């Protein structure tokens, strides 16, 4: 079974914690947590999943996305 490592916003690097992503609908999102999945035998990182929350005060739901996919599909707002 894979090992999971959880990092909340306070534990994220500042470059990721402060970054705002903009999706195709011009909605702005921030990464609020990151889950790193590691292979139990080699302890090598297998994947990273980002948990996102709206960056503005409109609220909305949270969602999760593979970190690589986030960088490939969303524009960095700042």
C-alpha atoms as a PDB file:
ATOM      1  CA  UNK A   1       0.000   0.000   0.000  1.00  0.00           C
ATOM      2  CA  UNK A   2       1.285   3.476  -0.877  1.00  0.00           C
ATOM      3  CA  UNK A   3       2.384   5.826   1.858  1.00  0.00           C
ATOM      4  CA  UNK A   4       0.681   9.211   2.004  1.00  0.00           C
ATOM      5  CA  UNK A   5       2.263  12.408   3.239  1.00  0.00           C
ATOM      6  CA  UNK A   6      -0.049  15.345   3.934  1.00  0.00           C
ATOM      7  CA  UNK A   7       1.016  19.001   3.885  1.00  0.00           C
ATOM      8  CA  UNK A   8      -1.396  21.784   4.708  1.00  0.00           C
ATOM      9  CA  UNK A   9      -1.016  25.383   3.523  1.00  0.00           C
ATOM     10  CA  UNK A  10       1.356  26.338   6.349  1.00  0.00           C
ATOM     11  CA  UNK A  11       3.761  23.568   5.350  1.00  0.00           C
ATOM     12  CA  UNK A  12       3.819  24.342   1.614  1.00  0.00           C
ATOM     13  CA  UNK A  13       6.701  26.214   0.014  1.00  0.00           C
ATOM     14  CA  UNK A  14       5.929  29.934  -0.237  1.00  0.00           C
ATOM     15  CA  UNK A  15       6.069  29.777  -4.033  1.00  0.00           C
ATOM     16  CA  UNK A  16       3.170  27.323  -4.078  1.00  0.00           C
ATOM     17  CA  UNK A  17       1.289  28.704  -1.072  1.00  0.00           C
ATOM     18  CA  UNK A  18       1.139  32.244  -2.500  1.00  0.00           C
ATOM     19  CA  UNK A  19       0.541  31.280  -6.117  1.00  0.00           C
ATOM     20  CA  UNK A  20      -2.918  31.851  -7.604  1.00  0.00           C
ATOM     21  CA  UNK A  21      -4.087  29.696 -10.511  1.00  0.00           C
ATOM     22  CA  UNK A  22      -6.708  30.828 -13.019  1.00  0.00           C
ATOM     23  CA  UNK A  23      -8.847  28.240 -14.803  1.00  0.00           C
ATOM     24  CA  UNK A  24     -10.580  28.433 -18.196  1.00  0.00           C
ATOM     25  CA  UNK A  25     -13.595  30.164 -16.602  1.00  0.00           C
ATOM     26  CA  UNK A  26     -11.351  32.885 -15.141  1.00  0.00           C
ATOM     27  CA  UNK A  27     -11.936  31.604 -11.602  1.00  0.00           C
ATOM     28  CA  UNK A  28      -8.950  32.012  -9.288  1.00  0.00           C
ATOM     29  CA  UNK A  29      -7.759  29.190  -7.012  1.00  0.00           C
ATOM     30  CA  UNK A  30      -5.155  28.655  -4.285  1.00  0.00           C
ATOM     31  CA  UNK A  31      -3.573  25.405  -3.168  1.00  0.00           C
ATOM     32  CA  UNK A  32      -4.693  24.717   0.401  1.00  0.00           C
ATOM     33  CA  UNK A  33      -3.105  21.300   0.890  1.00  0.00           C
ATOM     34  CA  UNK A  34      -0.947  18.781  -0.871  1.00  0.00           C
ATOM     35  CA  UNK A  35      -0.913  14.995  -0.604  1.00  0.00           C
ATOM     36  CA  UNK A  36       2.254  13.239  -1.700  1.00  0.00           C
ATOM     37  CA  UNK A  37       1.966   9.553  -2.501  1.00  0.00           C
ATOM     38  CA  UNK A  38       5.146   7.468  -2.072  1.00  0.00           C
ATOM     39  CA  UNK A  39       6.024   3.952  -3.097  1.00  0.00           C
ATOM     40  CA  UNK A  40       6.263   1.872   0.110  1.00  0.00           C
ATOM     41  CA  UNK A  41       9.295  -0.085  -1.049  1.00  0.00           C
ATOM     42  CA  UNK A  42      11.516   2.575  -2.610  1.00  0.00           C
ATOM     43  CA  UNK A  43      10.029   5.579  -0.765  1.00  0.00           C
ATOM     44  CA  UNK A  44      10.115   7.449  -4.097  1.00  0.00           C
ATOM     45  CA  UNK A  45       7.438  10.002  -4.821  1.00  0.00           C
ATOM     46  CA  UNK A  46       4.740   8.564  -7.090  1.00  0.00           C
ATOM     47  CA  UNK A  47       2.291  11.472  -7.376  1.00  0.00           C
ATOM     48  CA  UNK A  48       1.158  14.772  -5.877  1.00  0.00           C
ATOM     49  CA  UNK A  49      -2.447  15.826  -5.478  1.00  0.00           C
ATOM     50  CA  UNK A  50      -3.301  19.469  -4.802  1.00  0.00           C
ATOM     51  CA  UNK A  51      -6.429  20.512  -2.946  1.00  0.00           C
ATOM     52  CA  UNK A  52      -7.732  23.862  -4.149  1.00  0.00           C
ATOM     53  CA  UNK A  53     -10.041  26.540  -2.766  1.00  0.00           C
ATOM     54  CA  UNK A  54     -11.341  29.689  -4.448  1.00  0.00           C
ATOM     55  CA  UNK A  55      -8.904  32.589  -4.030  1.00  0.00           C
ATOM     56  CA  UNK A  56     -11.653  35.221  -3.809  1.00  0.00           C
ATOM     57  CA  UNK A  57     -14.316  35.739  -1.180  1.00  0.00           C
ATOM     58  CA  UNK A  58     -17.111  34.122  -3.203  1.00  0.00           C
ATOM     59  CA  UNK A  59     -16.560  30.812  -1.486  1.00  0.00           C
ATOM     60  CA  UNK A  60     -17.433  27.811  -3.589  1.00  0.00           C
ATOM     61  CA  UNK A  61     -16.425  24.249  -3.253  1.00  0.00           C
ATOM     62  CA  UNK A  62     -12.994  22.747  -2.915  1.00  0.00           C
ATOM     63  CA  UNK A  63     -11.628  20.298  -5.417  1.00  0.00           C
ATOM     64  CA  UNK A  64      -8.580  18.182  -5.984  1.00  0.00           C
ATOM     65  CA  UNK A  65      -6.333  17.809  -9.009  1.00  0.00           C
ATOM     66  CA  UNK A  66      -2.996  16.206  -9.798  1.00  0.00           C
ATOM     67  CA  UNK A  67      -0.355  18.902  -9.334  1.00  0.00           C
ATOM     68  CA  UNK A  68       1.166  18.223 -12.764  1.00  0.00           C
ATOM     69  CA  UNK A  69      -2.259  18.602 -14.395  1.00  0.00           C
ATOM     70  CA  UNK A  70      -2.832  21.852 -12.526  1.00  0.00           C
ATOM     71  CA  UNK A  71       0.378  23.321 -13.931  1.00  0.00           C
ATOM     72  CA  UNK A  72      -0.460  22.041 -17.430  1.00  0.00           C
ATOM     73  CA  UNK A  73      -4.046  23.331 -17.591  1.00  0.00           C
ATOM     74  CA  UNK A  74      -4.275  26.441 -15.407  1.00  0.00           C
ATOM     75  CA  UNK A  75      -2.553  29.763 -15.853  1.00  0.00           C
ATOM     76  CA  UNK A  76      -0.537  31.206 -12.995  1.00  0.00           C
ATOM     77  CA  UNK A  77      -2.188  34.475 -12.005  1.00  0.00           C
ATOM     78  CA  UNK A  78       0.627  35.661  -9.749  1.00  0.00           C
END
